[in-house]
N, C-alpha and C. Protein backbone atom coordinates (compact mmCIF):
# COMPACT_ATOMS: atom_id res chain seq x y z
N MET A 1 124.49 93.21 90.69
CA MET A 1 125.91 93.17 90.53
C MET A 1 126.03 93.93 88.86
N PRO A 2 126.58 94.92 88.66
CA PRO A 2 126.77 95.16 87.27
C PRO A 2 127.18 94.25 86.28
N THR A 3 126.89 94.46 85.00
CA THR A 3 127.39 93.74 83.87
C THR A 3 128.75 93.92 83.44
N LEU A 4 129.28 93.23 82.61
CA LEU A 4 130.52 93.37 82.24
C LEU A 4 130.82 94.73 81.21
N SER A 5 129.55 94.84 80.67
CA SER A 5 129.52 95.91 79.84
C SER A 5 129.70 97.16 80.67
N GLU A 6 128.74 97.32 81.68
CA GLU A 6 128.73 98.50 82.60
C GLU A 6 130.08 98.44 83.35
N MET A 7 130.68 97.61 83.85
CA MET A 7 131.92 97.75 84.22
C MET A 7 133.06 98.47 83.51
N LEU A 8 133.01 97.89 82.09
CA LEU A 8 133.87 98.43 81.35
C LEU A 8 133.61 99.91 80.87
N HIS A 9 132.34 100.22 80.72
CA HIS A 9 132.06 101.61 80.57
C HIS A 9 132.40 102.52 81.53
N ALA A 10 132.34 101.96 82.84
CA ALA A 10 132.55 103.02 83.98
C ALA A 10 134.14 103.17 84.05
N THR A 11 134.77 102.17 83.71
CA THR A 11 136.21 102.19 83.61
C THR A 11 137.07 102.98 82.61
N ARG A 12 136.76 102.41 81.40
CA ARG A 12 137.33 103.36 80.32
C ARG A 12 138.74 102.94 79.91
N VAL A 13 139.64 103.06 81.14
CA VAL A 13 141.08 102.72 81.04
C VAL A 13 141.43 101.39 82.22
N LEU A 14 141.79 100.52 81.58
CA LEU A 14 141.93 99.41 82.56
C LEU A 14 143.40 99.03 82.55
N PRO A 15 144.40 99.61 83.63
CA PRO A 15 145.78 99.07 83.91
C PRO A 15 146.01 97.84 83.93
N VAL A 16 146.85 97.17 83.08
CA VAL A 16 147.30 95.87 83.12
C VAL A 16 148.50 95.62 83.94
N LEU A 17 148.55 94.92 84.82
CA LEU A 17 149.53 94.92 85.89
C LEU A 17 149.99 93.59 86.16
N THR A 18 151.40 93.52 86.30
CA THR A 18 151.84 92.27 86.74
C THR A 18 152.86 92.66 88.03
N VAL A 19 152.49 91.74 89.10
CA VAL A 19 153.08 92.03 90.43
C VAL A 19 153.80 90.77 90.97
N HIS A 20 154.58 91.21 91.99
CA HIS A 20 155.43 90.27 92.35
C HIS A 20 155.15 89.88 93.90
N SER A 21 154.31 90.81 94.59
CA SER A 21 153.88 90.55 95.82
C SER A 21 152.37 91.33 96.28
N GLU A 22 151.93 90.83 97.22
CA GLU A 22 150.66 91.41 97.81
C GLU A 22 150.80 92.90 98.27
N ALA A 23 151.86 93.22 98.83
CA ALA A 23 152.15 94.52 99.24
C ALA A 23 152.21 95.31 97.97
N GLU A 24 153.05 94.95 96.81
CA GLU A 24 153.27 95.74 95.86
C GLU A 24 151.97 95.89 95.16
N ALA A 25 151.14 94.91 94.96
CA ALA A 25 149.85 95.30 94.41
C ALA A 25 149.22 96.46 94.92
N VAL A 26 148.79 96.21 96.48
CA VAL A 26 148.13 97.35 97.08
C VAL A 26 148.66 98.55 96.92
N ALA A 27 150.06 98.67 96.96
CA ALA A 27 150.75 100.05 96.86
C ALA A 27 150.42 100.56 95.32
N VAL A 28 150.45 99.75 94.32
CA VAL A 28 150.23 100.07 93.01
C VAL A 28 148.80 100.72 92.85
N VAL A 29 147.97 99.95 93.46
CA VAL A 29 146.43 100.10 93.21
C VAL A 29 145.97 101.40 94.16
N ASP A 30 146.69 101.57 95.23
CA ASP A 30 146.59 102.83 96.08
C ASP A 30 147.00 104.09 94.99
N ALA A 31 148.05 103.97 94.31
CA ALA A 31 148.45 105.12 93.36
C ALA A 31 147.54 105.33 92.41
N LEU A 32 146.96 104.30 91.86
CA LEU A 32 146.10 104.27 90.70
C LEU A 32 144.80 105.10 91.04
N ALA A 33 144.47 104.80 92.42
CA ALA A 33 143.04 105.49 93.05
C ALA A 33 143.34 106.83 93.22
N ALA A 34 144.43 106.99 93.78
CA ALA A 34 144.78 108.32 94.20
C ALA A 34 144.87 109.30 92.84
N GLY A 35 145.10 108.51 91.64
CA GLY A 35 145.29 109.46 90.47
C GLY A 35 143.76 109.50 89.69
N GLY A 36 142.96 108.81 90.45
CA GLY A 36 141.49 108.72 89.82
C GLY A 36 141.02 107.75 88.84
N LEU A 37 141.85 106.71 88.90
CA LEU A 37 141.49 105.28 88.16
C LEU A 37 140.76 104.52 89.10
N THR A 38 139.91 103.65 88.43
CA THR A 38 138.90 102.81 89.43
C THR A 38 139.02 101.38 89.12
N ALA A 39 139.98 100.96 88.23
CA ALA A 39 139.93 99.67 88.03
C ALA A 39 141.45 99.18 87.76
N VAL A 40 141.75 97.84 87.79
CA VAL A 40 142.97 97.25 87.52
C VAL A 40 142.77 95.62 87.19
N GLU A 41 143.58 95.48 86.08
CA GLU A 41 143.69 93.85 85.48
C GLU A 41 145.07 93.43 86.37
N ILE A 42 144.97 92.34 87.14
CA ILE A 42 146.06 91.68 87.61
C ILE A 42 146.43 90.72 86.98
N THR A 43 147.22 90.21 86.26
CA THR A 43 147.45 89.15 85.27
C THR A 43 148.16 88.04 86.22
N LEU A 44 147.78 86.72 85.61
CA LEU A 44 148.42 85.68 86.28
C LEU A 44 149.66 85.14 85.48
N ARG A 45 150.42 86.09 85.88
CA ARG A 45 151.88 85.83 85.23
C ARG A 45 152.90 85.62 86.21
N THR A 46 152.68 85.65 87.55
CA THR A 46 153.42 85.49 88.63
C THR A 46 152.80 84.52 89.93
N PRO A 47 153.63 83.97 90.51
CA PRO A 47 153.05 83.43 91.85
C PRO A 47 152.43 83.99 92.55
N ALA A 48 152.59 85.17 92.78
CA ALA A 48 152.02 86.31 93.66
C ALA A 48 150.56 86.63 93.19
N ALA A 49 150.15 86.31 92.09
CA ALA A 49 148.84 87.25 91.31
C ALA A 49 147.68 86.85 92.02
N LEU A 50 147.39 85.51 92.58
CA LEU A 50 146.14 85.27 93.25
C LEU A 50 146.02 85.80 94.67
N GLY A 51 147.13 85.94 95.33
CA GLY A 51 147.23 86.31 96.67
C GLY A 51 147.08 88.28 96.42
N ALA A 52 147.77 88.57 95.35
CA ALA A 52 147.54 89.99 95.10
C ALA A 52 146.16 90.45 94.92
N ILE A 53 145.49 89.59 94.14
CA ILE A 53 144.02 89.87 93.80
C ILE A 53 143.33 89.80 94.97
N ALA A 54 143.33 88.82 95.88
CA ALA A 54 142.58 89.10 97.24
C ALA A 54 143.02 90.00 98.06
N ALA A 55 144.34 90.29 98.16
CA ALA A 55 144.63 91.37 98.93
C ALA A 55 144.10 92.71 98.51
N VAL A 56 144.02 93.12 97.24
CA VAL A 56 143.48 94.37 96.75
C VAL A 56 141.95 94.34 97.00
N LYS A 57 141.44 93.20 96.84
CA LYS A 57 139.99 93.20 97.00
C LYS A 57 139.48 93.61 98.44
N LYS A 58 140.37 93.00 99.42
CA LYS A 58 140.23 93.24 100.67
C LYS A 58 140.40 94.74 101.20
N ALA A 59 141.55 95.33 100.58
CA ALA A 59 141.84 96.48 100.94
C ALA A 59 140.97 97.80 100.12
N ARG A 60 140.66 97.42 99.13
CA ARG A 60 139.77 98.45 98.17
C ARG A 60 138.59 97.72 97.66
N PRO A 61 137.72 97.26 98.61
CA PRO A 61 136.68 96.44 97.99
C PRO A 61 135.64 97.09 96.87
N ASP A 62 135.82 98.69 96.70
CA ASP A 62 134.90 99.12 95.73
C ASP A 62 135.85 99.27 94.44
N PHE A 63 137.15 99.06 94.45
CA PHE A 63 137.87 99.01 93.06
C PHE A 63 137.68 97.86 92.42
N ILE A 64 137.54 98.24 90.81
CA ILE A 64 137.12 96.99 90.05
C ILE A 64 138.57 96.33 90.03
N VAL A 65 138.57 94.95 90.16
CA VAL A 65 139.75 94.20 89.96
C VAL A 65 139.50 93.18 89.10
N ALA A 66 140.15 92.92 87.97
CA ALA A 66 140.02 91.91 87.09
C ALA A 66 141.17 90.93 87.14
N ALA A 67 141.01 89.69 86.68
CA ALA A 67 142.16 88.65 86.74
C ALA A 67 142.57 88.62 85.15
N GLY A 68 143.76 88.79 84.63
CA GLY A 68 144.15 88.62 83.11
C GLY A 68 144.86 87.34 83.14
N THR A 69 145.28 87.13 81.91
CA THR A 69 145.84 85.92 81.33
C THR A 69 145.28 84.67 81.88
N VAL A 70 143.66 84.60 82.07
CA VAL A 70 143.00 83.46 82.35
C VAL A 70 143.05 82.37 81.14
N ARG A 71 143.75 81.22 81.17
CA ARG A 71 143.95 80.54 80.16
C ARG A 71 143.30 79.10 80.38
N THR A 72 143.22 78.64 81.44
CA THR A 72 142.57 77.38 81.66
C THR A 72 141.36 77.32 82.71
N VAL A 73 140.74 76.42 82.85
CA VAL A 73 139.55 76.10 83.76
C VAL A 73 140.06 76.24 85.13
N ALA A 74 141.25 75.79 85.46
CA ALA A 74 141.90 75.92 86.78
C ALA A 74 141.98 77.47 87.05
N ASP A 75 142.45 78.14 86.17
CA ASP A 75 142.70 79.63 86.17
C ASP A 75 141.38 80.33 86.68
N MET A 76 140.37 79.95 85.90
CA MET A 76 138.91 80.52 85.94
C MET A 76 138.54 80.07 87.43
N ARG A 77 138.58 79.01 87.89
CA ARG A 77 138.07 78.70 89.21
C ARG A 77 138.80 79.25 90.34
N ALA A 78 140.17 79.54 90.16
CA ALA A 78 141.18 80.17 90.91
C ALA A 78 140.86 81.66 91.33
N VAL A 79 140.54 82.35 90.23
CA VAL A 79 140.36 83.66 90.30
C VAL A 79 138.97 84.05 90.81
N ALA A 80 137.98 83.13 90.59
CA ALA A 80 136.98 83.26 90.86
C ALA A 80 136.84 83.16 92.56
N ALA A 81 137.57 82.21 93.14
CA ALA A 81 137.75 81.98 94.51
C ALA A 81 138.39 83.23 95.12
N ALA A 82 139.35 84.04 94.41
CA ALA A 82 140.04 85.12 94.97
C ALA A 82 139.16 86.26 95.00
N GLY A 83 138.05 86.13 94.26
CA GLY A 83 137.18 87.35 94.33
C GLY A 83 137.09 88.55 93.47
N VAL A 84 137.68 88.12 92.31
CA VAL A 84 137.58 88.94 91.07
C VAL A 84 136.14 89.53 90.57
N ASP A 85 136.24 90.67 89.98
CA ASP A 85 134.86 91.15 89.70
C ASP A 85 134.73 90.72 88.09
N PHE A 86 135.76 90.37 87.22
CA PHE A 86 135.63 89.61 86.08
C PHE A 86 136.96 89.25 85.66
N ALA A 87 136.89 88.02 84.70
CA ALA A 87 138.17 87.70 84.48
C ALA A 87 138.43 87.89 82.80
N VAL A 88 139.59 87.95 82.49
CA VAL A 88 140.17 88.31 81.17
C VAL A 88 140.96 87.35 80.65
N SER A 89 140.77 86.86 79.34
CA SER A 89 141.41 85.85 78.97
C SER A 89 142.18 86.55 77.52
N PRO A 90 143.47 86.00 77.20
CA PRO A 90 144.06 86.51 75.73
C PRO A 90 143.56 85.60 74.57
N GLY A 91 142.55 84.67 74.86
CA GLY A 91 141.92 84.05 73.77
C GLY A 91 140.47 83.76 74.08
N PHE A 92 139.85 82.85 73.30
CA PHE A 92 138.57 82.30 73.60
C PHE A 92 138.54 80.96 73.29
N THR A 93 137.83 80.00 74.24
CA THR A 93 137.34 78.75 73.82
C THR A 93 136.04 78.62 74.62
N PRO A 94 135.11 77.79 73.89
CA PRO A 94 133.82 77.42 74.58
C PRO A 94 134.01 76.86 76.05
N THR A 95 134.90 75.98 76.30
CA THR A 95 135.29 75.62 77.74
C THR A 95 135.67 76.69 78.85
N LEU A 96 136.31 77.65 78.33
CA LEU A 96 136.42 78.78 79.17
C LEU A 96 135.14 79.45 79.38
N SER A 97 134.62 79.77 78.37
CA SER A 97 133.29 80.36 78.29
C SER A 97 132.08 79.54 79.21
N ALA A 98 131.92 78.44 79.11
CA ALA A 98 131.17 77.45 79.87
C ALA A 98 131.61 77.52 81.39
N CYS A 99 132.71 77.53 81.74
CA CYS A 99 133.23 77.67 83.15
C CYS A 99 132.72 78.81 83.81
N ALA A 100 133.03 79.93 83.04
CA ALA A 100 132.76 81.18 83.54
C ALA A 100 131.28 81.36 83.87
N ARG A 101 130.35 80.82 82.88
CA ARG A 101 129.08 80.86 83.08
C ARG A 101 128.68 80.04 84.42
N GLU A 102 129.23 78.79 84.57
CA GLU A 102 128.75 78.16 85.74
C GLU A 102 129.19 78.47 86.77
N LEU A 103 130.49 79.44 87.01
CA LEU A 103 130.69 80.28 88.29
C LEU A 103 130.22 81.78 88.51
N GLN A 104 129.39 82.09 87.40
CA GLN A 104 128.68 83.15 87.15
C GLN A 104 129.70 84.54 87.38
N LEU A 105 130.80 84.22 86.58
CA LEU A 105 131.77 85.34 86.54
C LEU A 105 131.70 85.62 85.16
N PRO A 106 131.90 87.01 85.20
CA PRO A 106 131.90 87.67 83.79
C PRO A 106 133.15 87.58 83.10
N LEU A 107 133.29 87.36 82.10
CA LEU A 107 134.39 87.26 81.25
C LEU A 107 134.60 87.71 79.95
N LEU A 108 135.85 88.40 79.87
CA LEU A 108 136.21 89.18 78.74
C LEU A 108 137.16 88.29 77.95
N PRO A 109 136.60 87.64 76.95
CA PRO A 109 137.44 86.78 76.17
C PRO A 109 138.27 87.69 75.04
N GLY A 110 139.51 86.97 74.66
CA GLY A 110 140.31 87.74 73.77
C GLY A 110 139.82 87.08 72.29
N VAL A 111 139.94 88.22 71.29
CA VAL A 111 139.81 87.68 69.91
C VAL A 111 140.69 88.62 69.18
N SER A 112 140.67 88.04 67.91
CA SER A 112 141.72 88.63 66.96
C SER A 112 141.23 88.41 65.51
N THR A 113 140.06 87.72 65.37
CA THR A 113 139.53 87.55 63.84
C THR A 113 137.85 87.46 63.93
N PRO A 114 137.31 87.64 62.92
CA PRO A 114 135.85 87.71 62.93
C PRO A 114 135.21 86.34 63.19
N SER A 115 135.98 85.28 62.76
CA SER A 115 135.57 83.93 63.31
C SER A 115 135.70 83.79 64.68
N GLU A 116 136.62 84.29 65.45
CA GLU A 116 136.42 84.24 66.95
C GLU A 116 135.24 85.14 67.55
N ILE A 117 135.06 86.26 66.94
CA ILE A 117 133.99 87.01 67.37
C ILE A 117 132.74 86.29 67.39
N ILE A 118 132.52 85.76 65.98
CA ILE A 118 131.16 84.78 65.97
C ILE A 118 131.08 83.71 66.90
N ALA A 119 132.10 82.94 67.07
CA ALA A 119 132.21 81.80 67.96
C ALA A 119 131.81 82.51 69.50
N GLY A 120 132.64 83.48 69.91
CA GLY A 120 131.99 84.00 71.19
C GLY A 120 130.70 84.41 71.28
N SER A 121 129.98 85.11 70.22
CA SER A 121 128.69 85.65 70.19
C SER A 121 127.62 84.45 70.61
N GLU A 122 128.16 83.27 69.79
CA GLU A 122 127.33 82.07 69.89
C GLU A 122 127.19 81.61 71.39
N CYS A 123 128.38 81.98 71.98
CA CYS A 123 128.38 81.47 73.43
C CYS A 123 127.74 82.72 74.44
N GLY A 124 127.23 83.66 73.84
CA GLY A 124 126.37 84.68 74.61
C GLY A 124 127.35 85.86 74.78
N HIS A 125 128.60 86.01 74.46
CA HIS A 125 129.46 87.15 74.70
C HIS A 125 129.19 88.32 73.87
N THR A 126 129.15 89.61 74.19
CA THR A 126 128.74 90.67 73.56
C THR A 126 130.31 91.67 73.74
N CYS A 127 131.02 91.40 74.49
CA CYS A 127 132.08 92.25 74.88
C CYS A 127 133.26 91.44 74.83
N PHE A 128 134.43 91.59 73.93
CA PHE A 128 135.73 91.17 73.57
C PHE A 128 136.93 92.10 73.92
N LYS A 129 137.97 91.48 74.16
CA LYS A 129 139.31 92.21 74.39
C LYS A 129 139.86 91.88 72.93
N LEU A 130 140.30 92.75 72.04
CA LEU A 130 141.07 92.58 70.86
C LEU A 130 142.42 92.76 71.18
N PHE A 131 143.05 91.51 70.99
CA PHE A 131 144.29 91.28 71.44
C PHE A 131 145.21 90.35 70.37
N PRO A 132 146.29 90.62 70.21
CA PRO A 132 147.33 92.05 70.50
C PRO A 132 146.78 93.04 69.53
N ALA A 133 146.18 93.97 70.12
CA ALA A 133 145.43 95.07 69.52
C ALA A 133 146.19 95.89 68.13
N GLU A 134 147.41 96.23 68.45
CA GLU A 134 148.14 96.98 67.33
C GLU A 134 148.75 95.98 66.29
N ALA A 135 149.26 94.89 66.70
CA ALA A 135 149.67 93.89 65.90
C ALA A 135 148.63 93.21 64.94
N VAL A 136 147.35 93.39 65.41
CA VAL A 136 146.55 92.47 64.39
C VAL A 136 145.52 93.54 63.61
N GLY A 137 146.06 94.67 63.81
CA GLY A 137 145.49 95.68 62.86
C GLY A 137 144.76 97.04 63.49
N GLY A 138 144.84 96.99 64.95
CA GLY A 138 144.28 98.17 65.66
C GLY A 138 143.18 98.92 65.16
N MET A 139 143.16 100.17 65.08
CA MET A 139 141.94 100.98 64.82
C MET A 139 141.55 100.58 63.49
N ALA A 140 142.37 100.42 62.49
CA ALA A 140 141.71 100.00 61.14
C ALA A 140 140.89 98.93 61.29
N LEU A 141 141.36 97.74 62.01
CA LEU A 141 140.67 96.60 62.07
C LEU A 141 139.23 96.93 62.99
N LEU A 142 139.42 97.73 63.97
CA LEU A 142 138.11 97.78 64.98
C LEU A 142 136.98 98.71 63.95
N LYS A 143 137.49 99.73 63.12
CA LYS A 143 136.69 100.34 62.16
C LYS A 143 135.98 99.46 61.29
N ALA A 144 136.70 98.29 60.48
CA ALA A 144 136.12 97.54 59.80
C ALA A 144 135.14 96.57 60.51
N LEU A 145 135.25 96.52 61.46
CA LEU A 145 134.26 95.31 62.32
C LEU A 145 133.06 96.11 62.58
N ILE A 146 132.87 97.51 62.76
CA ILE A 146 131.68 98.01 63.36
C ILE A 146 130.44 97.75 62.52
N SER A 147 130.41 97.55 61.23
CA SER A 147 129.26 97.38 60.43
C SER A 147 128.66 95.99 60.66
N PRO A 148 129.69 94.96 60.49
CA PRO A 148 129.26 93.33 60.31
C PRO A 148 128.96 92.98 61.76
N PHE A 149 129.51 93.72 62.76
CA PHE A 149 129.41 93.31 64.15
C PHE A 149 128.79 94.58 65.05
N ALA A 150 127.64 94.77 64.49
CA ALA A 150 126.84 95.88 65.55
C ALA A 150 126.39 95.40 66.70
N GLY A 151 126.58 96.10 67.69
CA GLY A 151 126.45 95.79 69.24
C GLY A 151 127.36 95.02 69.86
N ILE A 152 128.32 94.70 69.32
CA ILE A 152 129.45 94.23 69.96
C ILE A 152 130.49 95.33 70.31
N GLU A 153 131.12 95.05 71.56
CA GLU A 153 131.94 96.16 72.06
C GLU A 153 133.33 95.34 72.40
N PHE A 154 134.37 96.32 72.18
CA PHE A 154 135.62 95.90 72.50
C PHE A 154 136.45 96.61 73.64
N CYS A 155 137.61 95.93 73.97
CA CYS A 155 138.44 96.45 74.89
C CYS A 155 139.78 95.98 74.22
N PRO A 156 140.27 96.99 73.25
CA PRO A 156 141.59 96.85 72.78
C PRO A 156 142.68 96.83 73.76
N THR A 157 143.75 95.76 73.66
CA THR A 157 144.76 96.03 74.40
C THR A 157 146.15 95.27 73.72
N GLY A 158 146.95 96.13 73.94
CA GLY A 158 148.44 95.75 73.11
C GLY A 158 148.76 96.62 72.43
N GLY A 159 150.04 97.17 72.94
CA GLY A 159 150.63 98.54 71.77
C GLY A 159 149.75 99.89 72.15
N ILE A 160 149.00 99.93 73.03
CA ILE A 160 148.29 101.31 73.32
C ILE A 160 148.65 102.15 74.60
N GLY A 161 149.07 103.25 74.34
CA GLY A 161 149.70 104.18 75.39
C GLY A 161 148.87 105.43 75.37
N LEU A 162 149.83 106.27 76.20
CA LEU A 162 149.18 107.61 76.19
C LEU A 162 149.10 108.30 74.80
N HIS A 163 149.85 108.04 73.87
CA HIS A 163 149.88 108.85 72.47
C HIS A 163 148.74 108.26 71.89
N ASN A 164 148.17 107.15 72.01
CA ASN A 164 147.02 106.91 71.08
C ASN A 164 145.66 106.42 71.59
N PHE A 165 145.51 106.33 72.95
CA PHE A 165 144.48 105.66 73.57
C PHE A 165 143.17 106.41 73.58
N LEU A 166 143.34 107.67 73.28
CA LEU A 166 141.92 108.52 73.44
C LEU A 166 141.51 108.16 71.64
N GLU A 167 142.45 108.12 70.75
CA GLU A 167 141.85 107.56 69.37
C GLU A 167 141.08 106.50 69.48
N TYR A 168 141.59 105.47 70.31
CA TYR A 168 140.84 104.29 70.24
C TYR A 168 139.28 104.24 71.04
N LEU A 169 139.36 105.21 72.02
CA LEU A 169 138.31 105.48 72.85
C LEU A 169 137.23 106.10 72.08
N ALA A 170 137.53 107.00 71.02
CA ALA A 170 136.77 107.56 69.99
C ALA A 170 136.15 106.78 69.27
N LEU A 171 136.43 105.58 68.91
CA LEU A 171 135.49 104.55 68.29
C LEU A 171 134.34 104.15 68.63
N PRO A 172 133.41 104.07 68.00
CA PRO A 172 131.86 103.81 68.58
C PRO A 172 131.83 102.43 69.28
N ASN A 173 132.83 101.29 68.52
CA ASN A 173 132.68 100.03 69.25
C ASN A 173 133.79 99.59 70.29
N VAL A 174 134.32 100.72 70.82
CA VAL A 174 135.49 100.55 71.67
C VAL A 174 134.81 101.17 72.96
N VAL A 175 134.64 100.34 74.05
CA VAL A 175 134.16 100.51 75.23
C VAL A 175 135.07 101.01 76.30
N CYS A 176 136.53 100.39 76.09
CA CYS A 176 137.32 100.63 77.28
C CYS A 176 138.62 100.17 76.64
N ILE A 177 139.77 100.53 77.07
CA ILE A 177 141.00 100.17 76.60
C ILE A 177 141.91 99.62 77.67
N GLY A 178 142.75 98.52 77.28
CA GLY A 178 143.81 98.04 78.41
C GLY A 178 145.31 98.66 77.93
N GLY A 179 145.94 98.83 79.05
CA GLY A 179 147.27 99.45 78.74
C GLY A 179 148.15 99.22 79.88
N SER A 180 149.50 99.21 79.92
CA SER A 180 150.33 99.27 81.07
C SER A 180 151.31 100.40 81.20
N TRP A 181 151.17 101.36 80.35
CA TRP A 181 151.97 102.53 80.57
C TRP A 181 152.00 103.05 81.77
N MET A 182 150.75 103.32 82.48
CA MET A 182 150.63 103.87 83.84
C MET A 182 151.06 103.02 85.15
N VAL A 183 151.31 101.68 84.71
CA VAL A 183 152.05 100.78 85.66
C VAL A 183 153.43 100.43 85.26
N ASP A 184 154.27 101.20 84.99
CA ASP A 184 155.49 100.76 84.48
C ASP A 184 156.32 100.07 85.28
N SER A 185 156.76 98.87 84.75
CA SER A 185 157.51 97.83 85.86
C SER A 185 158.80 98.45 86.56
N ASN A 186 159.62 99.48 85.82
CA ASN A 186 160.60 99.97 86.20
C ASN A 186 160.06 100.89 87.50
N LEU A 187 159.23 101.75 87.58
CA LEU A 187 158.82 102.48 88.48
C LEU A 187 158.14 101.69 89.67
N ILE A 188 157.69 100.74 89.54
CA ILE A 188 157.15 99.72 90.50
C ILE A 188 158.18 99.22 91.23
N GLN A 189 159.14 98.62 90.40
CA GLN A 189 160.58 98.09 91.27
C GLN A 189 161.18 99.15 91.99
N GLN A 190 161.10 100.25 91.66
CA GLN A 190 161.76 101.30 92.53
C GLN A 190 160.84 101.98 93.58
N GLY A 191 159.59 101.62 93.42
CA GLY A 191 158.79 102.22 94.51
C GLY A 191 158.28 103.55 94.32
N LYS A 192 158.35 103.99 93.15
CA LYS A 192 157.94 105.49 92.92
C LYS A 192 156.46 105.51 92.67
N TRP A 193 155.71 105.45 93.80
CA TRP A 193 154.35 105.45 93.88
C TRP A 193 153.77 106.81 93.55
N GLU A 194 154.63 107.80 93.84
CA GLU A 194 153.87 109.17 93.40
C GLU A 194 154.04 109.38 91.76
N ARG A 195 155.10 108.89 91.28
CA ARG A 195 155.25 108.53 89.76
C ARG A 195 153.88 108.09 88.92
N LEU A 196 153.46 106.88 89.48
CA LEU A 196 152.61 106.03 89.18
C LEU A 196 151.22 107.01 89.43
N GLU A 197 150.95 107.54 90.35
CA GLU A 197 149.82 108.41 90.76
C GLU A 197 149.78 109.38 89.65
N LYS A 198 150.91 109.99 89.20
CA LYS A 198 150.76 111.18 88.36
C LYS A 198 150.58 110.56 86.90
N LEU A 199 150.96 109.32 86.44
CA LEU A 199 150.84 108.78 85.23
C LEU A 199 149.17 108.39 85.27
N ALA A 200 148.57 108.12 86.31
CA ALA A 200 146.96 107.64 86.29
C ALA A 200 146.32 108.99 86.35
N ARG A 201 146.90 110.30 86.91
CA ARG A 201 146.14 111.20 86.81
C ARG A 201 146.22 111.91 85.57
N GLU A 202 147.29 111.70 84.77
CA GLU A 202 147.27 112.06 83.40
C GLU A 202 146.35 111.52 82.52
N CYS A 203 146.16 110.25 82.68
CA CYS A 203 145.01 109.41 82.09
C CYS A 203 143.53 110.17 82.18
N VAL A 204 143.31 110.16 83.47
CA VAL A 204 142.00 111.06 83.97
C VAL A 204 141.82 112.17 83.28
N LEU A 205 142.94 113.04 83.32
CA LEU A 205 142.69 114.49 82.92
C LEU A 205 142.59 114.39 81.41
N GLU A 206 143.22 113.54 80.68
CA GLU A 206 143.02 113.23 79.40
C GLU A 206 141.45 112.99 78.68
N LEU A 207 141.01 111.99 79.74
CA LEU A 207 139.72 111.34 79.25
C LEU A 207 138.79 112.83 79.68
N ASN A 208 138.89 113.35 80.62
CA ASN A 208 138.01 114.54 80.95
C ASN A 208 138.10 115.65 79.74
N LYS A 209 138.93 115.63 79.18
CA LYS A 209 138.98 116.58 78.02
C LYS A 209 137.91 116.24 76.83
N ARG A 210 137.57 114.87 76.70
CA ARG A 210 136.84 114.41 75.56
C ARG A 210 135.54 114.96 75.76
């Protein structure tokens, strides 16, 4: 099984998706895959999330599926049972970390300060979600973290879009970025799957220019 770092390196762009049905989730992921993306984070923000995760993993077993907004031990156990490849939390606690370790489920914990990074590192984590990225300092903060946190990798999420995601990915301590511009909720509500596929393809084309 690949490590969290290996999955993030392979992903590079992680769409952050909120869905309202299993069918909707599968349709969105079909569009992302057709556009060339290989992973998705499905957030636990709707009652449909757990069923959507299981449905996507069944329909596309090779697609990397993360569960986002994991905030409690109960959340962690539920997403592990749904078959996710890794969990994503907006924050970090030793309790969440210990639960993920017990379940042998890779966890990408959220941080926004050096103290949180140190606390996470003490629990064995080397990959973190910087959240909310733009609000807490964005690229300036990430650049400042390079020297004191050598070997630590980040997946910044929050305020990142087509206009700046390549700048983030150019930083040596950024392994992946999270964003939602390619899974626009209005397009999903309207069932405009071809438009979502186009947005995904634009991401891949920009990545390939690097």
